[in-house]
């Protein structure tokens, strides 16, 4: 299972808005907490971008990495 897939589960379960900080916390819970804070944030932003590219989430703020679940 990819890191993005591990992040998709809590996003679908919890809903709401998702930013880098919230994604890092969720990924730590899924066992992806290795590395320093900067590495964890980079991994979380990539997972968020990957989920946006597949249409799972949509970016809601053009100036920050803030997303929400796409309308189904």
N, C-alpha and C. Protein backbone atom coordinates (compact mmCIF):
# COMPACT_ATOMS: atom_id res chain seq x y z
N UNK A 1 0.85 -1.18 0.00
CA UNK A 1 0.00 0.00 0.00
C UNK A 1 0.89 1.24 0.00
N UNK A 2 0.57 2.21 -0.84
CA UNK A 2 1.38 3.42 -0.93
C UNK A 2 1.09 4.35 0.25
N UNK A 3 1.95 5.33 0.42
CA UNK A 3 1.74 6.32 1.48
C UNK A 3 0.45 7.09 1.22
N UNK A 4 0.19 7.44 -0.04
CA UNK A 4 -1.05 8.15 -0.38
C UNK A 4 -2.27 7.30 -0.03
N UNK A 5 -2.22 6.00 -0.29
CA UNK A 5 -3.34 5.13 0.05
C UNK A 5 -3.54 5.06 1.56
N UNK A 6 -2.43 5.07 2.31
CA UNK A 6 -2.54 5.08 3.77
C UNK A 6 -3.15 6.38 4.27
N UNK A 7 -2.94 7.46 3.56
CA UNK A 7 -3.52 8.74 3.96
C UNK A 7 -4.98 8.84 3.52
N UNK A 8 -5.33 8.19 2.42
CA UNK A 8 -6.70 8.26 1.91
C UNK A 8 -7.71 7.73 2.93
N UNK A 9 -7.36 6.68 3.64
CA UNK A 9 -8.30 6.08 4.60
C UNK A 9 -8.76 7.08 5.66
N UNK A 10 -7.84 7.74 6.38
CA UNK A 10 -8.32 8.71 7.38
C UNK A 10 -9.01 9.92 6.76
N UNK A 11 -8.60 10.33 5.57
CA UNK A 11 -9.26 11.47 4.93
C UNK A 11 -10.72 11.12 4.66
N UNK A 12 -10.96 9.93 4.13
CA UNK A 12 -12.34 9.50 3.86
C UNK A 12 -13.13 9.30 5.16
N UNK A 13 -12.48 8.77 6.18
CA UNK A 13 -13.16 8.48 7.44
C UNK A 13 -13.48 9.75 8.23
N UNK A 14 -12.56 10.71 8.23
CA UNK A 14 -12.71 11.88 9.09
C UNK A 14 -13.23 13.11 8.36
N UNK A 15 -13.01 13.19 7.06
CA UNK A 15 -13.47 14.35 6.30
C UNK A 15 -12.79 15.63 6.76
N UNK A 16 -13.43 16.75 6.48
CA UNK A 16 -12.89 18.04 6.88
C UNK A 16 -11.78 18.50 5.97
N UNK A 17 -11.05 19.50 6.42
CA UNK A 17 -9.94 20.02 5.63
C UNK A 17 -8.65 19.34 6.08
N UNK A 18 -7.76 19.21 5.14
CA UNK A 18 -6.49 18.53 5.39
C UNK A 18 -5.34 19.42 4.93
N UNK A 19 -4.41 19.65 5.85
CA UNK A 19 -3.20 20.38 5.51
C UNK A 19 -2.01 19.50 5.85
N UNK A 20 -0.82 20.02 5.67
CA UNK A 20 0.38 19.23 5.90
C UNK A 20 0.43 18.71 7.32
N UNK A 21 0.14 19.54 8.29
CA UNK A 21 0.22 19.13 9.70
C UNK A 21 -0.72 17.96 10.00
N UNK A 22 -1.95 18.06 9.54
CA UNK A 22 -2.92 16.99 9.79
C UNK A 22 -2.51 15.72 9.06
N UNK A 23 -1.98 15.85 7.86
CA UNK A 23 -1.53 14.69 7.09
C UNK A 23 -0.35 14.00 7.78
N UNK A 24 0.58 14.78 8.31
CA UNK A 24 1.73 14.21 9.02
C UNK A 24 1.24 13.39 10.20
N UNK A 25 0.30 13.93 10.96
CA UNK A 25 -0.24 13.22 12.13
C UNK A 25 -0.89 11.91 11.72
N UNK A 26 -1.69 11.94 10.66
CA UNK A 26 -2.36 10.73 10.19
C UNK A 26 -1.34 9.71 9.68
N UNK A 27 -0.33 10.17 8.98
CA UNK A 27 0.68 9.24 8.46
C UNK A 27 1.51 8.64 9.59
N UNK A 28 1.77 9.40 10.63
CA UNK A 28 2.48 8.83 11.79
C UNK A 28 1.66 7.68 12.36
N UNK A 29 0.35 7.88 12.46
CA UNK A 29 -0.54 6.83 12.97
C UNK A 29 -0.56 5.60 12.09
N UNK A 30 -0.25 5.78 10.82
CA UNK A 30 -0.23 4.67 9.87
C UNK A 30 1.16 4.04 9.74
N UNK A 31 2.09 4.48 10.60
CA UNK A 31 3.42 3.91 10.58
C UNK A 31 4.42 4.58 9.66
N UNK A 32 4.12 5.80 9.21
CA UNK A 32 5.04 6.52 8.33
C UNK A 32 5.62 7.74 9.03
N UNK A 33 6.07 7.57 10.25
CA UNK A 33 6.60 8.68 11.03
C UNK A 33 8.10 8.74 11.08
N UNK A 34 8.77 8.00 10.19
CA UNK A 34 10.23 8.01 10.22
C UNK A 34 10.78 9.29 9.60
N UNK A 35 11.99 9.63 10.00
CA UNK A 35 12.63 10.85 9.50
C UNK A 35 12.35 12.04 10.38
N UNK A 36 13.02 13.14 10.06
CA UNK A 36 12.81 14.36 10.85
C UNK A 36 11.52 15.06 10.40
N UNK A 37 11.20 16.14 11.05
CA UNK A 37 9.94 16.85 10.77
C UNK A 37 9.85 17.29 9.31
N UNK A 38 10.95 17.80 8.78
CA UNK A 38 10.95 18.27 7.39
C UNK A 38 10.68 17.12 6.41
N UNK A 39 11.29 15.97 6.65
CA UNK A 39 11.06 14.80 5.80
C UNK A 39 9.61 14.32 5.89
N UNK A 40 9.06 14.33 7.10
CA UNK A 40 7.67 13.92 7.29
C UNK A 40 6.72 14.87 6.57
N UNK A 41 6.99 16.17 6.64
CA UNK A 41 6.15 17.15 5.96
C UNK A 41 6.24 16.99 4.45
N UNK A 42 7.43 16.75 3.94
CA UNK A 42 7.62 16.56 2.50
C UNK A 42 6.83 15.33 2.03
N UNK A 43 6.91 14.24 2.78
CA UNK A 43 6.18 13.01 2.45
C UNK A 43 4.67 13.26 2.48
N UNK A 44 4.20 14.01 3.46
CA UNK A 44 2.77 14.31 3.58
C UNK A 44 2.29 15.17 2.42
N UNK A 45 3.06 16.20 2.04
CA UNK A 45 2.66 17.05 0.91
C UNK A 45 2.60 16.25 -0.39
N UNK A 46 3.55 15.34 -0.58
CA UNK A 46 3.54 14.51 -1.79
C UNK A 46 2.31 13.61 -1.80
N UNK A 47 1.98 13.02 -0.66
CA UNK A 47 0.79 12.16 -0.59
C UNK A 47 -0.47 12.97 -0.88
N UNK A 48 -0.54 14.19 -0.36
CA UNK A 48 -1.69 15.05 -0.64
C UNK A 48 -1.77 15.37 -2.13
N UNK A 49 -0.65 15.71 -2.74
CA UNK A 49 -0.64 15.99 -4.18
C UNK A 49 -1.05 14.76 -4.99
N UNK A 50 -0.55 13.59 -4.59
CA UNK A 50 -0.91 12.35 -5.29
C UNK A 50 -2.41 12.09 -5.21
N UNK A 51 -3.00 12.31 -4.04
CA UNK A 51 -4.44 12.11 -3.89
C UNK A 51 -5.23 13.14 -4.69
N UNK A 52 -4.72 14.35 -4.77
CA UNK A 52 -5.38 15.38 -5.58
C UNK A 52 -5.31 15.02 -7.06
N UNK A 53 -4.19 14.47 -7.48
CA UNK A 53 -4.02 14.10 -8.89
C UNK A 53 -4.97 12.98 -9.30
N UNK A 54 -5.35 12.14 -8.36
CA UNK A 54 -6.28 11.05 -8.66
C UNK A 54 -7.73 11.44 -8.43
N UNK A 55 -7.95 12.68 -7.95
CA UNK A 55 -9.32 13.17 -7.77
C UNK A 55 -9.96 12.83 -6.45
N UNK A 56 -9.21 12.28 -5.51
CA UNK A 56 -9.76 11.93 -4.20
C UNK A 56 -10.03 13.19 -3.38
N UNK A 57 -9.09 14.14 -3.45
CA UNK A 57 -9.23 15.40 -2.73
C UNK A 57 -9.05 16.55 -3.71
N UNK A 58 -9.49 17.73 -3.31
CA UNK A 58 -9.32 18.93 -4.13
C UNK A 58 -8.68 20.01 -3.27
N UNK A 59 -7.83 20.82 -3.91
CA UNK A 59 -7.16 21.92 -3.22
C UNK A 59 -8.15 23.05 -3.03
N UNK A 60 -8.24 23.57 -1.80
CA UNK A 60 -9.21 24.63 -1.53
C UNK A 60 -8.55 25.99 -1.33
N UNK A 61 -7.24 26.00 -1.19
CA UNK A 61 -6.52 27.26 -1.01
C UNK A 61 -5.34 27.27 -1.96
N UNK A 62 -5.35 28.15 -2.96
CA UNK A 62 -4.26 28.15 -3.94
C UNK A 62 -2.90 28.55 -3.36
N UNK A 63 -2.89 29.16 -2.18
CA UNK A 63 -1.64 29.62 -1.58
C UNK A 63 -1.08 28.68 -0.53
N UNK A 64 -1.76 27.57 -0.25
CA UNK A 64 -1.25 26.63 0.73
C UNK A 64 -1.71 25.22 0.37
N UNK A 65 -1.09 24.25 1.00
CA UNK A 65 -1.45 22.85 0.76
C UNK A 65 -2.62 22.48 1.65
N UNK A 66 -3.79 23.02 1.34
CA UNK A 66 -5.01 22.73 2.09
C UNK A 66 -6.03 22.11 1.15
N UNK A 67 -6.53 20.95 1.54
CA UNK A 67 -7.41 20.16 0.68
C UNK A 67 -8.65 19.72 1.45
N UNK A 68 -9.63 19.26 0.69
CA UNK A 68 -10.82 18.62 1.25
C UNK A 68 -11.20 17.46 0.34
N UNK A 69 -11.99 16.56 0.86
CA UNK A 69 -12.46 15.43 0.08
C UNK A 69 -13.26 15.92 -1.10
N UNK A 70 -13.01 15.36 -2.27
CA UNK A 70 -13.76 15.76 -3.48
C UNK A 70 -15.21 15.31 -3.35
N UNK A 71 -16.09 16.04 -3.98
CA UNK A 71 -17.50 15.66 -3.98
C UNK A 71 -17.66 14.34 -4.73
N UNK A 72 -18.41 13.47 -4.15
CA UNK A 72 -18.60 12.14 -4.77
C UNK A 72 -19.87 12.12 -5.57
